[in-house]
Amino acid sequence: MSYRCEVCNKEPSFGKKVSFSHKRSNRRWTPNIQRVRVKHGSNTKRVRVCTSCLKAGKVEKA
């Protein structure tokens, strides 16, 4: 399973960490993904959702 929000498809972005001496090394920024129970019709379902989608109300928690 990938580290991705199932609502907005937000996934990690990649770049460089730059130190004071300007040495560069790889790093990644990961979205804040939570596993929550969500109402899915009359049932509940566990999905991975980023916190920005939770706060925006795009998902109804069960």
PDB file of N, CA and C in Angstrom:
ATOM      1  N   MET A   1       0.830  -1.185   0.000  1.00  0.00           N
ATOM      2  CA  MET A   1       0.000   0.000   0.000  1.00  0.00           C
ATOM      3  C   MET A   1       0.869   1.241   0.000  1.00  0.00           C
ATOM      4  N   SER A   2       0.487   2.197  -0.797  1.00  0.00           N
ATOM      5  CA  SER A   2       1.278   3.412  -0.876  1.00  0.00           C
ATOM      6  C   SER A   2       0.847   4.385   0.211  1.00  0.00           C
ATOM      7  N   TYR A   3       1.727   5.308   0.512  1.00  0.00           N
ATOM      8  CA  TYR A   3       1.479   6.328   1.520  1.00  0.00           C
ATOM      9  C   TYR A   3       0.768   7.481   0.820  1.00  0.00           C
ATOM     10  N   ARG A   4      -0.573   7.370   0.705  1.00  0.00           N
ATOM     11  CA  ARG A   4      -1.333   8.314  -0.101  1.00  0.00           C
ATOM     12  C   ARG A   4      -2.709   8.522   0.517  1.00  0.00           C
ATOM     13  N   CYS A   5      -3.209   9.747   0.437  1.00  0.00           N
ATOM     14  CA  CYS A   5      -4.568  10.054   0.883  1.00  0.00           C
ATOM     15  C   CYS A   5      -5.544   9.500  -0.144  1.00  0.00           C
ATOM     16  N   GLU A   6      -6.561   8.790   0.313  1.00  0.00           N
ATOM     17  CA  GLU A   6      -7.513   8.175  -0.604  1.00  0.00           C
ATOM     18  C   GLU A   6      -8.573   9.161  -1.085  1.00  0.00           C
ATOM     19  N   VAL A   7      -8.601  10.380  -0.523  1.00  0.00           N
ATOM     20  CA  VAL A   7      -9.574  11.381  -0.942  1.00  0.00           C
ATOM     21  C   VAL A   7      -8.963  12.310  -1.991  1.00  0.00           C
ATOM     22  N   CYS A   8      -7.801  12.891  -1.689  1.00  0.00           N
ATOM     23  CA  CYS A   8      -7.210  13.891  -2.589  1.00  0.00           C
ATOM     24  C   CYS A   8      -5.945  13.390  -3.285  1.00  0.00           C
ATOM     25  N   ASN A   9      -5.554  12.156  -3.037  1.00  0.00           N
ATOM     26  CA  ASN A   9      -4.356  11.548  -3.645  1.00  0.00           C
ATOM     27  C   ASN A   9      -3.076  12.294  -3.318  1.00  0.00           C
ATOM     28  N   LYS A  10      -3.023  12.947  -2.161  1.00  0.00           N
ATOM     29  CA  LYS A  10      -1.796  13.624  -1.743  1.00  0.00           C
ATOM     30  C   LYS A  10      -0.782  12.563  -1.350  1.00  0.00           C
ATOM     31  N   GLU A  11       0.454  12.690  -1.831  1.00  0.00           N
ATOM     32  CA  GLU A  11       1.504  11.722  -1.536  1.00  0.00           C
ATOM     33  C   GLU A  11       2.805  12.458  -1.259  1.00  0.00           C
ATOM     34  N   PRO A  12       3.848  11.748  -0.816  1.00  0.00           N
ATOM     35  CA  PRO A  12       5.092  12.424  -0.455  1.00  0.00           C
ATOM     36  C   PRO A  12       5.704  13.194  -1.626  1.00  0.00           C
ATOM     37  N   SER A  13       6.336  14.319  -1.284  1.00  0.00           N
ATOM     38  CA  SER A  13       7.095  15.072  -2.277  1.00  0.00           C
ATOM     39  C   SER A  13       8.565  15.000  -1.895  1.00  0.00           C
ATOM     40  N   PHE A  14       9.433  15.125  -2.862  1.00  0.00           N
ATOM     41  CA  PHE A  14      10.855  14.898  -2.656  1.00  0.00           C
ATOM     42  C   PHE A  14      11.641  16.164  -2.956  1.00  0.00           C
ATOM     43  N   GLY A  15      12.793  16.290  -2.307  1.00  0.00           N
ATOM     44  CA  GLY A  15      13.650  17.446  -2.522  1.00  0.00           C
ATOM     45  C   GLY A  15      14.992  17.231  -1.872  1.00  0.00           C
ATOM     46  N   LYS A  16      15.678  18.308  -1.582  1.00  0.00           N
ATOM     47  CA  LYS A  16      17.007  18.255  -0.983  1.00  0.00           C
ATOM     48  C   LYS A  16      17.000  18.960   0.362  1.00  0.00           C
ATOM     49  N   LYS A  17      17.743  18.401   1.309  1.00  0.00           N
ATOM     50  CA  LYS A  17      18.013  19.069   2.570  1.00  0.00           C
ATOM     51  C   LYS A  17      19.333  19.792   2.386  1.00  0.00           C
ATOM     52  N   VAL A  18      19.386  21.078   2.685  1.00  0.00           N
ATOM     53  CA  VAL A  18      20.602  21.869   2.484  1.00  0.00           C
ATOM     54  C   VAL A  18      21.130  22.280   3.844  1.00  0.00           C
ATOM     55  N   SER A  19      22.342  21.862   4.165  1.00  0.00           N
ATOM     56  CA  SER A  19      22.941  22.183   5.450  1.00  0.00           C
ATOM     57  C   SER A  19      23.549  23.582   5.418  1.00  0.00           C
ATOM     58  N   PHE A  20      24.075  24.006   6.541  1.00  0.00           N
ATOM     59  CA  PHE A  20      24.702  25.329   6.630  1.00  0.00           C
ATOM     60  C   PHE A  20      25.875  25.445   5.673  1.00  0.00           C
ATOM     61  N   SER A  21      26.621  24.348   5.492  1.00  0.00           N
ATOM     62  CA  SER A  21      27.766  24.362   4.580  1.00  0.00           C
ATOM     63  C   SER A  21      27.358  24.091   3.131  1.00  0.00           C
ATOM     64  N   HIS A  22      26.076  24.023   2.881  1.00  0.00           N
ATOM     65  CA  HIS A  22      25.490  23.790   1.557  1.00  0.00           C
ATOM     66  C   HIS A  22      25.733  22.390   1.022  1.00  0.00           C
ATOM     67  N   LYS A  23      26.004  21.422   1.903  1.00  0.00           N
ATOM     68  CA  LYS A  23      25.981  20.021   1.474  1.00  0.00           C
ATOM     69  C   LYS A  23      24.526  19.663   1.260  1.00  0.00           C
ATOM     70  N   ARG A  24      24.241  18.911   0.233  1.00  0.00           N
ATOM     71  CA  ARG A  24      22.858  18.555  -0.076  1.00  0.00           C
ATOM     72  C   ARG A  24      22.657  17.062   0.049  1.00  0.00           C
ATOM     73  N   SER A  25      21.555  16.688   0.684  1.00  0.00           N
ATOM     74  CA  SER A  25      21.187  15.280   0.787  1.00  0.00           C
ATOM     75  C   SER A  25      19.692  15.170   0.544  1.00  0.00           C
ATOM     76  N   ASN A  26      19.274  14.007   0.118  1.00  0.00           N
ATOM     77  CA  ASN A  26      17.872  13.794  -0.242  1.00  0.00           C
ATOM     78  C   ASN A  26      16.989  13.745   0.992  1.00  0.00           C
ATOM     79  N   ARG A  27      15.768  14.212   0.845  1.00  0.00           N
ATOM     80  CA  ARG A  27      14.777  14.095   1.911  1.00  0.00           C
ATOM     81  C   ARG A  27      13.402  14.017   1.285  1.00  0.00           C
ATOM     82  N   ARG A  28      12.399  13.717   2.110  1.00  0.00           N
ATOM     83  CA  ARG A  28      11.034  13.683   1.606  1.00  0.00           C
ATOM     84  C   ARG A  28      10.087  14.289   2.616  1.00  0.00           C
ATOM     85  N   TRP A  29       9.092  14.992   2.117  1.00  0.00           N
ATOM     86  CA  TRP A  29       8.047  15.587   2.928  1.00  0.00           C
ATOM     87  C   TRP A  29       6.825  14.691   2.811  1.00  0.00           C
ATOM     88  N   THR A  30       6.385  14.154   3.938  1.00  0.00           N
ATOM     89  CA  THR A  30       5.240  13.247   3.915  1.00  0.00           C
ATOM     90  C   THR A  30       3.997  13.967   4.444  1.00  0.00           C
ATOM     91  N   PRO A  31       2.849  13.750   3.830  1.00  0.00           N
ATOM     92  CA  PRO A  31       1.611  14.333   4.349  1.00  0.00           C
ATOM     93  C   PRO A  31       1.192  13.621   5.633  1.00  0.00           C
ATOM     94  N   ASN A  32       0.436  14.310   6.457  1.00  0.00           N
ATOM     95  CA  ASN A  32      -0.027  13.747   7.722  1.00  0.00           C
ATOM     96  C   ASN A  32      -1.232  12.851   7.438  1.00  0.00           C
ATOM     97  N   ILE A  33      -0.966  11.548   7.301  1.00  0.00           N
ATOM     98  CA  ILE A  33      -1.998  10.574   6.936  1.00  0.00           C
ATOM     99  C   ILE A  33      -2.481   9.850   8.191  1.00  0.00           C
ATOM    100  N   GLN A  34      -3.795   9.785   8.351  1.00  0.00           N
ATOM    101  CA  GLN A  34      -4.412   9.084   9.481  1.00  0.00           C
ATOM    102  C   GLN A  34      -5.311   7.983   8.947  1.00  0.00           C
ATOM    103  N   ARG A  35      -5.384   6.868   9.680  1.00  0.00           N
ATOM    104  CA  ARG A  35      -6.341   5.805   9.340  1.00  0.00           C
ATOM    105  C   ARG A  35      -7.590   6.041  10.173  1.00  0.00           C
ATOM    106  N   VAL A  36      -8.701   6.335   9.514  1.00  0.00           N
ATOM    107  CA  VAL A  36      -9.941   6.640  10.228  1.00  0.00           C
ATOM    108  C   VAL A  36     -11.080   5.790   9.688  1.00  0.00           C
ATOM    109  N   ARG A  37     -12.091   5.592  10.544  1.00  0.00           N
ATOM    110  CA  ARG A  37     -13.311   4.929  10.108  1.00  0.00           C
ATOM    111  C   ARG A  37     -14.211   5.970   9.474  1.00  0.00           C
ATOM    112  N   VAL A  38     -14.715   5.646   8.291  1.00  0.00           N
ATOM    113  CA  VAL A  38     -15.499   6.602   7.510  1.00  0.00           C
ATOM    114  C   VAL A  38     -16.830   5.957   7.161  1.00  0.00           C
ATOM    115  N   LYS A  39     -17.892   6.757   7.197  1.00  0.00           N
ATOM    116  CA  LYS A  39     -19.195   6.264   6.756  1.00  0.00           C
ATOM    117  C   LYS A  39     -19.158   6.108   5.252  1.00  0.00           C
ATOM    118  N   HIS A  40     -19.467   4.911   4.795  1.00  0.00           N
ATOM    119  CA  HIS A  40     -19.452   4.595   3.359  1.00  0.00           C
ATOM    120  C   HIS A  40     -20.793   3.960   3.031  1.00  0.00           C
ATOM    121  N   GLY A  41     -21.764   4.798   2.681  1.00  0.00           N
ATOM    122  CA  GLY A  41     -23.121   4.298   2.498  1.00  0.00           C
ATOM    123  C   GLY A  41     -23.713   3.978   3.864  1.00  0.00           C
ATOM    124  N   SER A  42     -24.196   2.745   4.033  1.00  0.00           N
ATOM    125  CA  SER A  42     -24.723   2.337   5.333  1.00  0.00           C
ATOM    126  C   SER A  42     -23.658   1.623   6.162  1.00  0.00           C
ATOM    127  N   ASN A  43     -22.512   1.354   5.567  1.00  0.00           N
ATOM    128  CA  ASN A  43     -21.424   0.662   6.256  1.00  0.00           C
ATOM    129  C   ASN A  43     -20.344   1.645   6.686  1.00  0.00           C
ATOM    130  N   THR A  44     -19.383   1.112   7.448  1.00  0.00           N
ATOM    131  CA  THR A  44     -18.193   1.896   7.780  1.00  0.00           C
ATOM    132  C   THR A  44     -16.993   1.240   7.126  1.00  0.00           C
ATOM    133  N   LYS A  45     -16.012   2.052   6.819  1.00  0.00           N
ATOM    134  CA  LYS A  45     -14.841   1.575   6.103  1.00  0.00           C
ATOM    135  C   LYS A  45     -13.618   2.278   6.656  1.00  0.00           C
ATOM    136  N   ARG A  46     -12.492   1.586   6.750  1.00  0.00           N
ATOM    137  CA  ARG A  46     -11.245   2.206   7.192  1.00  0.00           C
ATOM    138  C   ARG A  46     -10.494   2.727   5.983  1.00  0.00           C
ATOM    139  N   VAL A  47     -10.167   4.008   5.997  1.00  0.00           N
ATOM    140  CA  VAL A  47      -9.436   4.603   4.884  1.00  0.00           C
ATOM    141  C   VAL A  47      -8.289   5.455   5.425  1.00  0.00           C
ATOM    142  N   ARG A  48      -7.312   5.689   4.550  1.00  0.00           N
ATOM    143  CA  ARG A  48      -6.202   6.577   4.883  1.00  0.00           C
ATOM    144  C   ARG A  48      -6.529   7.949   4.338  1.00  0.00           C
ATOM    145  N   VAL A  49      -6.598   8.923   5.246  1.00  0.00           N
ATOM    146  CA  VAL A  49      -7.003  10.272   4.877  1.00  0.00           C
ATOM    147  C   VAL A  49      -6.020  11.263   5.474  1.00  0.00           C
ATOM    148  N   CYS A  50      -5.660  12.298   4.710  1.00  0.00           N
ATOM    149  CA  CYS A  50      -4.773  13.321   5.248  1.00  0.00           C
ATOM    150  C   CYS A  50      -5.581  14.245   6.162  1.00  0.00           C
ATOM    151  N   THR A  51      -4.901  14.888   7.085  1.00  0.00           N
ATOM    152  CA  THR A  51      -5.594  15.705   8.074  1.00  0.00           C
ATOM    153  C   THR A  51      -6.227  16.939   7.459  1.00  0.00           C
ATOM    154  N   SER A  52      -5.706  17.422   6.324  1.00  0.00           N
ATOM    155  CA  SER A  52      -6.339  18.577   5.690  1.00  0.00           C
ATOM    156  C   SER A  52      -7.706  18.214   5.129  1.00  0.00           C
ATOM    157  N   CYS A  53      -7.879  16.983   4.644  1.00  0.00           N
ATOM    158  CA  CYS A  53      -9.192  16.529   4.177  1.00  0.00           C
ATOM    159  C   CYS A  53     -10.142  16.321   5.355  1.00  0.00           C
ATOM    160  N   LEU A  54      -9.616  15.816   6.472  1.00  0.00           N
ATOM    161  CA  LEU A  54     -10.451  15.639   7.659  1.00  0.00           C
ATOM    162  C   LEU A  54     -10.965  16.986   8.159  1.00  0.00           C
ATOM    163  N   LYS A  55     -10.076  17.967   8.235  1.00  0.00           N
ATOM    164  CA  LYS A  55     -10.454  19.274   8.761  1.00  0.00           C
ATOM    165  C   LYS A  55     -11.399  20.007   7.815  1.00  0.00           C
ATOM    166  N   ALA A  56     -11.242  19.779   6.505  1.00  0.00           N
ATOM    167  CA  ALA A  56     -12.094  20.451   5.527  1.00  0.00           C
ATOM    168  C   ALA A  56     -13.476  19.822   5.461  1.00  0.00           C
ATOM    169  N   GLY A  57     -13.667  18.660   6.118  1.00  0.00           N
ATOM    170  CA  GLY A  57     -14.973  18.015   6.127  1.00  0.00           C
ATOM    171  C   GLY A  57     -15.277  17.238   4.871  1.00  0.00           C
ATOM    172  N   LYS A  58     -14.253  16.841   4.123  1.00  0.00           N
ATOM    173  CA  LYS A  58     -14.463  16.061   2.902  1.00  0.00           C
ATOM    174  C   LYS A  58     -14.859  14.620   3.217  1.00  0.00           C
ATOM    175  N   VAL A  59     -14.656  14.207   4.475  1.00  0.00           N
ATOM    176  CA  VAL A  59     -14.943  12.841   4.918  1.00  0.00           C
ATOM    177  C   VAL A  59     -15.767  12.912   6.172  1.00  0.00           C
ATOM    178  N   GLU A  60     -16.779  12.057   6.277  1.00  0.00           N
ATOM    179  CA  GLU A  60     -17.604  12.007   7.480  1.00  0.00           C
ATOM    180  C   GLU A  60     -17.167  10.837   8.339  1.00  0.00           C
ATOM    181  N   LYS A  61     -16.641  11.134   9.526  1.00  0.00           N
ATOM    182  CA  LYS A  61     -16.154  10.080  10.410  1.00  0.00           C
ATOM    183  C   LYS A  61     -17.312   9.301  11.010  1.00  0.00           C
ATOM    184  N   ALA A  62     -17.092   8.013  11.243  1.00  0.00           N
ATOM    185  CA  ALA A  62     -18.119   7.150  11.825  1.00  0.00           C
ATOM    186  C   ALA A  62     -17.961   7.053  13.318  1.00  0.00           C
TER     187      ALA A  62
END
